[in-house]
Amino acid sequence: MINYNITDSVYAETLPTGRTYFTPDGSYPSITTLLGKTSPSQVWLQKWKEKVGEEEAARISKEATDRGTAVHEYLEKYWNGEDVVSDLANEPIKVRSLANALIKGTSQNVTEVWAQEIPVWSPTLGFAGRVDMIGKWNNVPAIIDFKTSKKLKKGKDIKDYYLQCSGYAHAHNELF
């Protein structure tokens, strides 16, 4: 079994240039920051902000971030063996339904959990990030990253998700 006890030596800060991880090997931008800067969706995002207004866009973005944070926390607690049912009952329906769906989906497929919420970085490729889960998906070693979008995304809309997980896998293998 791999020793994943590296979290104490790594921290992240959100800088004007984006999220940056400080590791024993140096500082690196997050892979999501890099993907965000190269994504064609930035044009769509800017048009959306112009349409709804900066204030409404900020409100919606904060709501999505808060929902994502809550759902990730419930999944981490669930996979740590904690009872999340009573706490989830007090959450807004968007958090409750998404967390329950992800718990159900992962429970059917995750066969082993090796680590949760650990930083990984690639000195070779120059990026870092935090992996939601490393373990086995249907008995196959896997990087598992939970996505909390309200809308179902397919095909070209999730290209960055594949790139992110591939980057995490590369960094994992480089480190371990």
N, C-alpha and C. Protein backbone atom coordinates (compact mmCIF):
# COMPACT_ATOMS: atom_id res chain seq x y z
N MET A 1 0.84 -1.18 0.00
CA MET A 1 0.00 0.00 0.00
C MET A 1 0.88 1.25 0.00
N ILE A 2 0.50 2.23 -0.76
CA ILE A 2 1.24 3.48 -0.86
C ILE A 2 0.96 4.35 0.37
N ASN A 3 1.99 5.01 0.88
CA ASN A 3 1.81 5.95 1.98
C ASN A 3 1.45 7.31 1.38
N TYR A 4 0.21 7.72 1.58
CA TYR A 4 -0.27 8.99 1.04
C TYR A 4 -0.18 10.13 2.04
N ASN A 5 0.59 10.00 3.07
CA ASN A 5 0.68 11.02 4.11
C ASN A 5 1.60 12.17 3.69
N ILE A 6 1.12 13.00 2.74
CA ILE A 6 1.91 14.12 2.25
C ILE A 6 1.21 15.45 2.45
N THR A 7 0.01 15.42 2.99
CA THR A 7 -0.80 16.63 3.04
C THR A 7 -0.23 17.72 3.94
N ASP A 8 0.56 17.36 4.95
CA ASP A 8 1.08 18.37 5.87
C ASP A 8 2.10 19.30 5.21
N SER A 9 2.75 18.84 4.16
CA SER A 9 3.81 19.63 3.54
C SER A 9 3.34 20.43 2.34
N VAL A 10 2.04 20.42 2.05
CA VAL A 10 1.51 21.10 0.87
C VAL A 10 0.35 21.99 1.28
N TYR A 11 0.34 23.21 0.75
CA TYR A 11 -0.80 24.08 0.98
C TYR A 11 -1.07 24.87 -0.30
N ALA A 12 -2.26 25.45 -0.37
CA ALA A 12 -2.66 26.19 -1.56
C ALA A 12 -3.16 27.57 -1.16
N GLU A 13 -2.96 28.51 -2.06
CA GLU A 13 -3.46 29.88 -1.89
C GLU A 13 -4.08 30.32 -3.20
N THR A 14 -5.11 31.16 -3.09
CA THR A 14 -5.67 31.75 -4.29
C THR A 14 -5.02 33.11 -4.48
N LEU A 15 -4.23 33.22 -5.53
CA LEU A 15 -3.49 34.44 -5.86
C LEU A 15 -4.18 35.14 -7.03
N PRO A 16 -3.79 36.36 -7.35
CA PRO A 16 -4.39 37.03 -8.51
C PRO A 16 -4.25 36.22 -9.81
N THR A 17 -3.22 35.39 -9.89
CA THR A 17 -3.00 34.57 -11.09
C THR A 17 -3.79 33.26 -11.05
N GLY A 18 -4.44 32.97 -9.91
CA GLY A 18 -5.21 31.74 -9.77
C GLY A 18 -4.73 30.92 -8.59
N ARG A 19 -5.31 29.77 -8.41
CA ARG A 19 -4.95 28.91 -7.29
C ARG A 19 -3.55 28.36 -7.51
N THR A 20 -2.73 28.47 -6.47
CA THR A 20 -1.34 28.02 -6.53
C THR A 20 -1.05 27.09 -5.36
N TYR A 21 -0.39 25.98 -5.66
CA TYR A 21 -0.01 25.01 -4.63
C TYR A 21 1.48 25.17 -4.32
N PHE A 22 1.79 25.15 -3.04
CA PHE A 22 3.16 25.23 -2.57
C PHE A 22 3.54 23.85 -2.06
N THR A 23 4.49 23.21 -2.73
CA THR A 23 4.86 21.82 -2.46
C THR A 23 6.33 21.74 -2.07
N PRO A 24 6.79 20.60 -1.63
CA PRO A 24 8.22 20.44 -1.34
C PRO A 24 9.11 20.64 -2.58
N ASP A 25 8.51 20.51 -3.77
CA ASP A 25 9.27 20.66 -5.01
C ASP A 25 9.12 22.03 -5.66
N GLY A 26 8.41 22.95 -5.01
CA GLY A 26 8.20 24.28 -5.57
C GLY A 26 6.73 24.63 -5.64
N SER A 27 6.44 25.78 -6.22
CA SER A 27 5.05 26.21 -6.35
C SER A 27 4.56 25.99 -7.78
N TYR A 28 3.28 25.59 -7.87
CA TYR A 28 2.70 25.25 -9.16
C TYR A 28 1.26 25.74 -9.23
N PRO A 29 0.85 26.19 -10.42
CA PRO A 29 -0.57 26.55 -10.58
C PRO A 29 -1.42 25.29 -10.54
N SER A 30 -2.67 25.44 -10.11
CA SER A 30 -3.56 24.28 -10.10
C SER A 30 -3.90 23.90 -11.53
N ILE A 31 -4.14 22.64 -11.74
CA ILE A 31 -4.50 22.18 -13.07
C ILE A 31 -5.83 22.80 -13.51
N THR A 32 -6.75 23.03 -12.57
CA THR A 32 -8.03 23.64 -12.95
C THR A 32 -7.83 25.10 -13.35
N THR A 33 -6.88 25.79 -12.73
CA THR A 33 -6.57 27.16 -13.15
C THR A 33 -6.03 27.15 -14.58
N LEU A 34 -5.10 26.25 -14.85
CA LEU A 34 -4.54 26.16 -16.20
C LEU A 34 -5.60 25.80 -17.23
N LEU A 35 -6.44 24.83 -16.91
CA LEU A 35 -7.50 24.44 -17.85
C LEU A 35 -8.50 25.56 -18.05
N GLY A 36 -8.79 26.30 -16.98
CA GLY A 36 -9.72 27.43 -17.10
C GLY A 36 -9.20 28.51 -18.03
N LYS A 37 -7.89 28.71 -18.03
CA LYS A 37 -7.30 29.75 -18.88
C LYS A 37 -7.22 29.32 -20.33
N THR A 38 -7.28 28.03 -20.60
CA THR A 38 -7.17 27.55 -21.98
C THR A 38 -8.50 27.06 -22.54
N SER A 39 -9.52 27.07 -21.73
CA SER A 39 -10.82 26.53 -22.15
C SER A 39 -11.57 27.48 -23.07
N PRO A 40 -12.14 26.94 -24.14
CA PRO A 40 -12.96 27.79 -25.01
C PRO A 40 -14.24 28.25 -24.31
N SER A 41 -14.58 27.63 -23.18
CA SER A 41 -15.81 28.02 -22.48
C SER A 41 -15.70 29.41 -21.86
N GLN A 42 -14.50 29.99 -21.83
CA GLN A 42 -14.33 31.32 -21.27
C GLN A 42 -15.13 32.36 -22.05
N VAL A 43 -15.26 32.17 -23.36
CA VAL A 43 -16.06 33.08 -24.19
C VAL A 43 -17.52 32.98 -23.76
N TRP A 44 -18.01 31.77 -23.61
CA TRP A 44 -19.39 31.56 -23.18
C TRP A 44 -19.60 32.17 -21.79
N LEU A 45 -18.63 31.95 -20.91
CA LEU A 45 -18.73 32.45 -19.54
C LEU A 45 -18.83 33.97 -19.52
N GLN A 46 -18.02 34.64 -20.30
CA GLN A 46 -18.05 36.10 -20.35
C GLN A 46 -19.39 36.60 -20.90
N LYS A 47 -19.90 35.94 -21.93
CA LYS A 47 -21.20 36.32 -22.50
C LYS A 47 -22.30 36.12 -21.46
N TRP A 48 -22.23 35.02 -20.71
CA TRP A 48 -23.22 34.76 -19.67
C TRP A 48 -23.17 35.85 -18.60
N LYS A 49 -21.98 36.23 -18.16
CA LYS A 49 -21.84 37.29 -17.17
C LYS A 49 -22.41 38.61 -17.67
N GLU A 50 -22.20 38.92 -18.93
CA GLU A 50 -22.76 40.14 -19.51
C GLU A 50 -24.28 40.07 -19.55
N LYS A 51 -24.82 38.90 -19.84
CA LYS A 51 -26.27 38.72 -19.93
C LYS A 51 -26.95 38.85 -18.57
N VAL A 52 -26.43 38.16 -17.55
CA VAL A 52 -27.09 38.17 -16.24
C VAL A 52 -26.60 39.29 -15.34
N GLY A 53 -25.46 39.90 -15.68
CA GLY A 53 -24.89 40.95 -14.84
C GLY A 53 -23.87 40.38 -13.87
N GLU A 54 -22.88 41.18 -13.55
CA GLU A 54 -21.78 40.74 -12.68
C GLU A 54 -22.28 40.29 -11.30
N GLU A 55 -23.22 41.06 -10.74
CA GLU A 55 -23.71 40.74 -9.39
C GLU A 55 -24.44 39.39 -9.36
N GLU A 56 -25.32 39.16 -10.34
CA GLU A 56 -26.06 37.90 -10.40
C GLU A 56 -25.12 36.74 -10.71
N ALA A 57 -24.16 36.97 -11.59
CA ALA A 57 -23.18 35.94 -11.92
C ALA A 57 -22.37 35.56 -10.67
N ALA A 58 -21.99 36.55 -9.88
CA ALA A 58 -21.24 36.28 -8.65
C ALA A 58 -22.10 35.50 -7.66
N ARG A 59 -23.38 35.84 -7.56
CA ARG A 59 -24.29 35.13 -6.66
C ARG A 59 -24.44 33.67 -7.08
N ILE A 60 -24.67 33.44 -8.36
CA ILE A 60 -24.85 32.08 -8.88
C ILE A 60 -23.56 31.28 -8.71
N SER A 61 -22.43 31.90 -8.98
CA SER A 61 -21.13 31.22 -8.83
C SER A 61 -20.88 30.84 -7.38
N LYS A 62 -21.20 31.74 -6.46
CA LYS A 62 -21.02 31.43 -5.03
C LYS A 62 -21.93 30.30 -4.61
N GLU A 63 -23.17 30.31 -5.09
CA GLU A 63 -24.11 29.24 -4.78
C GLU A 63 -23.58 27.90 -5.28
N ALA A 64 -23.03 27.88 -6.49
CA ALA A 64 -22.47 26.65 -7.06
C ALA A 64 -21.26 26.19 -6.26
N THR A 65 -20.41 27.13 -5.88
CA THR A 65 -19.22 26.79 -5.09
C THR A 65 -19.62 26.24 -3.73
N ASP A 66 -20.57 26.89 -3.08
CA ASP A 66 -21.03 26.42 -1.77
C ASP A 66 -21.66 25.02 -1.87
N ARG A 67 -22.45 24.81 -2.90
CA ARG A 67 -23.08 23.50 -3.12
C ARG A 67 -21.99 22.44 -3.33
N GLY A 68 -21.02 22.74 -4.16
CA GLY A 68 -19.94 21.80 -4.44
C GLY A 68 -19.14 21.47 -3.20
N THR A 69 -18.84 22.48 -2.41
CA THR A 69 -18.08 22.26 -1.17
C THR A 69 -18.86 21.36 -0.22
N ALA A 70 -20.15 21.65 -0.05
CA ALA A 70 -20.98 20.84 0.86
C ALA A 70 -21.06 19.40 0.38
N VAL A 71 -21.29 19.19 -0.90
CA VAL A 71 -21.42 17.84 -1.44
C VAL A 71 -20.11 17.08 -1.26
N HIS A 72 -18.99 17.73 -1.57
CA HIS A 72 -17.69 17.07 -1.39
C HIS A 72 -17.45 16.69 0.07
N GLU A 73 -17.83 17.56 0.99
CA GLU A 73 -17.66 17.26 2.41
C GLU A 73 -18.50 16.05 2.82
N TYR A 74 -19.72 15.96 2.32
CA TYR A 74 -20.57 14.82 2.64
C TYR A 74 -20.00 13.52 2.07
N LEU A 75 -19.48 13.59 0.85
CA LEU A 75 -18.88 12.40 0.26
C LEU A 75 -17.65 11.95 1.03
N GLU A 76 -16.82 12.89 1.43
CA GLU A 76 -15.63 12.54 2.20
C GLU A 76 -16.04 11.90 3.54
N LYS A 77 -17.02 12.51 4.21
CA LYS A 77 -17.49 11.94 5.48
C LYS A 77 -18.06 10.54 5.26
N TYR A 78 -18.87 10.38 4.23
CA TYR A 78 -19.47 9.08 3.94
C TYR A 78 -18.39 8.03 3.75
N TRP A 79 -17.37 8.35 2.94
CA TRP A 79 -16.31 7.37 2.66
C TRP A 79 -15.36 7.20 3.84
N ASN A 80 -15.44 8.08 4.83
CA ASN A 80 -14.70 7.89 6.08
C ASN A 80 -15.50 7.05 7.07
N GLY A 81 -16.70 6.62 6.66
CA GLY A 81 -17.52 5.77 7.50
C GLY A 81 -18.44 6.53 8.44
N GLU A 82 -18.56 7.83 8.24
CA GLU A 82 -19.44 8.62 9.11
C GLU A 82 -20.88 8.56 8.60
N ASP A 83 -21.82 8.68 9.52
CA ASP A 83 -23.24 8.71 9.18
C ASP A 83 -23.59 10.13 8.73
N VAL A 84 -24.02 10.26 7.50
CA VAL A 84 -24.34 11.59 6.97
C VAL A 84 -25.84 11.80 6.76
N VAL A 85 -26.63 10.77 7.00
CA VAL A 85 -28.06 10.82 6.69
C VAL A 85 -28.77 11.95 7.43
N SER A 86 -28.60 12.06 8.73
CA SER A 86 -29.34 13.08 9.49
C SER A 86 -28.88 14.49 9.12
N ASP A 87 -27.58 14.68 8.90
CA ASP A 87 -27.09 16.00 8.51
C ASP A 87 -27.59 16.39 7.12
N LEU A 88 -27.59 15.43 6.20
CA LEU A 88 -28.07 15.71 4.85
C LEU A 88 -29.54 16.11 4.84
N ALA A 89 -30.31 15.58 5.75
CA ALA A 89 -31.75 15.90 5.82
C ALA A 89 -31.98 17.38 6.06
N ASN A 90 -31.02 18.07 6.65
CA ASN A 90 -31.15 19.50 6.94
C ASN A 90 -30.63 20.40 5.83
N GLU A 91 -30.11 19.80 4.78
CA GLU A 91 -29.53 20.58 3.68
C GLU A 91 -30.60 20.96 2.64
N PRO A 92 -30.33 22.00 1.87
CA PRO A 92 -31.23 22.34 0.75
C PRO A 92 -31.32 21.15 -0.21
N ILE A 93 -32.42 21.06 -0.91
CA ILE A 93 -32.69 19.93 -1.80
C ILE A 93 -31.58 19.75 -2.84
N LYS A 94 -30.99 20.83 -3.34
CA LYS A 94 -29.94 20.71 -4.36
C LYS A 94 -28.71 19.99 -3.80
N VAL A 95 -28.36 20.29 -2.58
CA VAL A 95 -27.22 19.63 -1.94
C VAL A 95 -27.58 18.19 -1.62
N ARG A 96 -28.73 18.00 -1.01
CA ARG A 96 -29.17 16.68 -0.58
C ARG A 96 -29.29 15.72 -1.76
N SER A 97 -29.94 16.14 -2.84
CA SER A 97 -30.16 15.23 -3.97
C SER A 97 -28.85 14.91 -4.69
N LEU A 98 -27.98 15.89 -4.84
CA LEU A 98 -26.70 15.64 -5.51
C LEU A 98 -25.80 14.75 -4.66
N ALA A 99 -25.73 15.02 -3.37
CA ALA A 99 -24.91 14.18 -2.48
C ALA A 99 -25.44 12.75 -2.47
N ASN A 100 -26.74 12.59 -2.36
CA ASN A 100 -27.32 11.25 -2.35
C ASN A 100 -27.05 10.51 -3.67
N ALA A 101 -27.16 11.21 -4.79
CA ALA A 101 -26.91 10.59 -6.09
C ALA A 101 -25.45 10.15 -6.21
N LEU A 102 -24.53 10.99 -5.76
CA LEU A 102 -23.11 10.64 -5.83
C LEU A 102 -22.76 9.53 -4.84
N ILE A 103 -23.37 9.54 -3.69
CA ILE A 103 -23.14 8.45 -2.72
C ILE A 103 -23.64 7.14 -3.32
N LYS A 104 -24.82 7.16 -3.90
CA LYS A 104 -25.38 5.94 -4.50
C LYS A 104 -24.49 5.46 -5.65
N GLY A 105 -24.10 6.37 -6.54
CA GLY A 105 -23.27 5.98 -7.68
C GLY A 105 -21.90 5.47 -7.28
N THR A 106 -21.29 6.11 -6.31
CA THR A 106 -19.96 5.66 -5.90
C THR A 106 -20.06 4.37 -5.08
N SER A 107 -21.09 4.24 -4.28
CA SER A 107 -21.23 3.02 -3.47
C SER A 107 -21.34 1.77 -4.35
N GLN A 108 -21.90 1.95 -5.52
CA GLN A 108 -22.06 0.82 -6.43
C GLN A 108 -20.77 0.48 -7.17
N ASN A 109 -19.81 1.41 -7.19
CA ASN A 109 -18.63 1.21 -8.04
C ASN A 109 -17.28 1.30 -7.34
N VAL A 110 -17.18 2.07 -6.27
CA VAL A 110 -15.91 2.17 -5.56
C VAL A 110 -15.74 0.90 -4.73
N THR A 111 -14.68 0.16 -5.02
CA THR A 111 -14.45 -1.10 -4.31
C THR A 111 -13.35 -0.99 -3.27
N GLU A 112 -12.56 0.10 -3.33
CA GLU A 112 -11.51 0.32 -2.34
C GLU A 112 -11.16 1.80 -2.33
N VAL A 113 -10.98 2.36 -1.15
CA VAL A 113 -10.54 3.75 -1.02
C VAL A 113 -9.14 3.74 -0.42
N TRP A 114 -8.20 4.37 -1.12
CA TRP A 114 -6.82 4.45 -0.64
C TRP A 114 -6.52 5.80 -0.02
N ALA A 115 -7.13 6.85 -0.56
CA ALA A 115 -6.87 8.20 -0.04
C ALA A 115 -7.99 9.13 -0.50
N GLN A 116 -8.19 10.19 0.27
CA GLN A 116 -9.17 11.23 -0.09
C GLN A 116 -8.54 12.60 0.13
N GLU A 117 -8.91 13.51 -0.75
CA GLU A 117 -8.49 14.91 -0.62
C GLU A 117 -6.99 15.06 -0.40
N ILE A 118 -6.21 14.45 -1.29
CA ILE A 118 -4.77 14.60 -1.15
C ILE A 118 -4.21 15.43 -2.31
N PRO A 119 -3.20 16.23 -2.00
CA PRO A 119 -2.57 17.02 -3.06
C PRO A 119 -1.64 16.14 -3.90
N VAL A 120 -1.58 16.43 -5.17
CA VAL A 120 -0.61 15.82 -6.07
C VAL A 120 -0.04 16.93 -6.93
N TRP A 121 1.18 16.73 -7.40
CA TRP A 121 1.80 17.74 -8.25
C TRP A 121 2.78 17.06 -9.19
N SER A 122 3.02 17.74 -10.30
CA SER A 122 3.96 17.22 -11.28
C SER A 122 5.04 18.25 -11.54
N PRO A 123 6.23 18.02 -10.98
CA PRO A 123 7.34 18.92 -11.30
C PRO A 123 7.68 18.90 -12.79
N THR A 124 7.46 17.76 -13.43
CA THR A 124 7.77 17.64 -14.86
C THR A 124 6.84 18.49 -15.72
N LEU A 125 5.55 18.43 -15.44
CA LEU A 125 4.57 19.17 -16.24
C LEU A 125 4.21 20.53 -15.64
N GLY A 126 4.56 20.75 -14.37
CA GLY A 126 4.38 22.07 -13.76
C GLY A 126 2.97 22.42 -13.35
N PHE A 127 2.27 21.53 -12.69
CA PHE A 127 0.93 21.83 -12.18
C PHE A 127 0.71 21.03 -10.90
N ALA A 128 -0.35 21.36 -10.20
CA ALA A 128 -0.72 20.65 -8.98
C ALA A 128 -2.24 20.62 -8.86
N GLY A 129 -2.72 19.89 -7.87
CA GLY A 129 -4.15 19.83 -7.63
C GLY A 129 -4.44 18.97 -6.42
N ARG A 130 -5.71 18.88 -6.10
CA ARG A 130 -6.15 18.07 -4.97
C ARG A 130 -7.14 17.04 -5.50
N VAL A 131 -6.83 15.76 -5.28
CA VAL A 131 -7.63 14.65 -5.78
C VAL A 131 -8.72 14.33 -4.77
N ASP A 132 -9.95 14.19 -5.24
CA ASP A 132 -11.06 13.84 -4.35
C ASP A 132 -10.86 12.46 -3.74
N MET A 133 -10.50 11.49 -4.58
CA MET A 133 -10.35 10.12 -4.08
C MET A 133 -9.40 9.34 -4.98
N ILE A 134 -8.61 8.50 -4.36
CA ILE A 134 -7.78 7.54 -5.08
C ILE A 134 -8.16 6.17 -4.52
N GLY A 135 -8.41 5.25 -5.41
CA GLY A 135 -8.81 3.92 -4.96
C GLY A 135 -9.06 3.01 -6.13
N LYS A 136 -10.03 2.14 -5.97
CA LYS A 136 -10.41 1.22 -7.05
C LYS A 136 -11.86 1.45 -7.43
N TRP A 137 -12.08 1.56 -8.72
CA TRP A 137 -13.41 1.67 -9.30
C TRP A 137 -13.65 0.35 -10.01
N ASN A 138 -14.60 -0.40 -9.50
CA ASN A 138 -14.84 -1.75 -10.02
C ASN A 138 -13.55 -2.56 -10.07
N ASN A 139 -12.79 -2.49 -8.97
CA ASN A 139 -11.54 -3.23 -8.79
C ASN A 139 -10.39 -2.79 -9.69
N VAL A 140 -10.52 -1.65 -10.35
CA VAL A 140 -9.45 -1.11 -11.19
C VAL A 140 -8.92 0.17 -10.52
N PRO A 141 -7.60 0.28 -10.33
CA PRO A 141 -7.06 1.51 -9.73
C PRO A 141 -7.54 2.74 -10.50
N ALA A 142 -7.95 3.78 -9.74
CA ALA A 142 -8.56 4.94 -10.39
C ALA A 142 -8.36 6.23 -9.60
N ILE A 143 -8.33 7.31 -10.33
CA ILE A 143 -8.45 8.66 -9.79
C ILE A 143 -9.94 8.98 -9.89
N ILE A 144 -10.56 9.37 -8.78
CA ILE A 144 -11.99 9.63 -8.76
C ILE A 144 -12.20 11.08 -8.36
N ASP A 145 -12.88 11.82 -9.22
CA ASP A 145 -13.10 13.24 -8.98
C ASP A 145 -14.60 13.51 -9.09
N PHE A 146 -15.18 14.02 -8.02
CA PHE A 146 -16.62 14.27 -7.99
C PHE A 146 -16.94 15.60 -8.66
N LYS A 147 -17.93 15.60 -9.53
CA LYS A 147 -18.37 16.81 -10.22
C LYS A 147 -19.77 17.15 -9.74
N THR A 148 -20.01 18.45 -9.51
CA THR A 148 -21.26 18.86 -8.87
C THR A 148 -22.06 19.87 -9.69
N SER A 149 -21.92 19.81 -10.99
CA SER A 149 -22.70 20.69 -11.85
C SER A 149 -24.19 20.35 -11.73
N LYS A 150 -25.04 21.38 -11.82
CA LYS A 150 -26.47 21.14 -11.77
C LYS A 150 -26.97 20.44 -13.04
N LYS A 151 -26.28 20.70 -14.15
CA LYS A 151 -26.72 20.16 -15.43
C LYS A 151 -25.83 18.99 -15.84
N LEU A 152 -26.45 17.97 -16.41
CA LEU A 152 -25.73 16.82 -16.93
C LEU A 152 -24.90 17.28 -18.13
N LYS A 153 -23.63 16.95 -18.13
CA LYS A 153 -22.74 17.34 -19.22
C LYS A 153 -22.26 16.09 -19.94
N LYS A 154 -22.03 16.24 -21.25
CA LYS A 154 -21.59 15.10 -22.06
C LYS A 154 -20.52 15.55 -23.05
N GLY A 155 -19.84 14.57 -23.61
CA GLY A 155 -18.93 14.77 -24.73
C GLY A 155 -17.96 15.92 -24.60
N LYS A 156 -18.03 16.85 -25.56
CA LYS A 156 -17.06 17.95 -25.62
C LYS A 156 -17.17 18.87 -24.41
N ASP A 157 -18.30 18.86 -23.71
CA ASP A 157 -18.47 19.72 -22.54
C ASP A 157 -17.67 19.25 -21.33
N ILE A 158 -17.18 18.01 -21.37
CA ILE A 158 -16.43 17.51 -20.22
C ILE A 158 -14.98 17.17 -20.57
N LYS A 159 -14.49 17.68 -21.67
CA LYS A 159 -13.11 17.43 -22.07
C LYS A 159 -12.14 17.81 -20.95
N ASP A 160 -12.38 18.95 -20.31
CA ASP A 160 -11.49 19.37 -19.22
C ASP A 160 -11.52 18.41 -18.04
N TYR A 161 -12.65 17.75 -17.80
CA TYR A 161 -12.72 16.77 -16.71
C TYR A 161 -11.74 15.62 -16.98
N TYR A 162 -11.73 15.16 -18.23
CA TYR A 162 -10.80 14.09 -18.60
C TYR A 162 -9.35 14.55 -18.47
N LEU A 163 -9.08 15.76 -18.93
CA LEU A 163 -7.73 16.30 -18.82
C LEU A 163 -7.31 16.45 -17.36
N GLN A 164 -8.23 16.91 -16.52
CA GLN A 164 -7.93 17.08 -15.10
C GLN A 164 -7.59 15.73 -14.47
N CYS A 165 -8.43 14.73 -14.68
CA CYS A 165 -8.17 13.41 -14.08
C CYS A 165 -6.92 12.77 -14.67
N SER A 166 -6.67 12.96 -15.95
CA SER A 166 -5.44 12.44 -16.55
C SER A 166 -4.22 13.12 -15.94
N GLY A 167 -4.33 14.42 -15.72
CA GLY A 167 -3.24 15.15 -15.06
C GLY A 167 -3.01 14.65 -13.65
N TYR A 168 -4.10 14.44 -12.91
CA TYR A 168 -3.97 13.90 -11.56
C TYR A 168 -3.30 12.53 -11.58
N ALA A 169 -3.69 11.69 -12.53
CA ALA A 169 -3.10 10.36 -12.63
C ALA A 169 -1.60 10.45 -12.94
N HIS A 170 -1.23 11.33 -13.86
CA HIS A 170 0.18 11.52 -14.18
C HIS A 170 0.95 11.99 -12.94
N ALA A 171 0.42 13.00 -12.25
CA ALA A 171 1.09 13.52 -11.06
C ALA A 171 1.19 12.44 -9.98
N HIS A 172 0.12 11.68 -9.79
CA HIS A 172 0.14 10.58 -8.82
C HIS A 172 1.26 9.61 -9.14
N ASN A 173 1.32 9.18 -10.40
CA ASN A 173 2.33 8.21 -10.78
C ASN A 173 3.75 8.78 -10.72
N GLU A 174 3.88 10.06 -10.97
CA GLU A 174 5.19 10.70 -10.85
C GLU A 174 5.64 10.75 -9.38
N LEU A 175 4.72 11.02 -8.50
CA LEU A 175 5.04 11.12 -7.07
C LEU A 175 5.22 9.76 -6.41
N PHE A 176 4.38 8.79 -6.81
CA PHE A 176 4.35 7.52 -6.10
C PHE A 176 4.80 6.36 -6.97
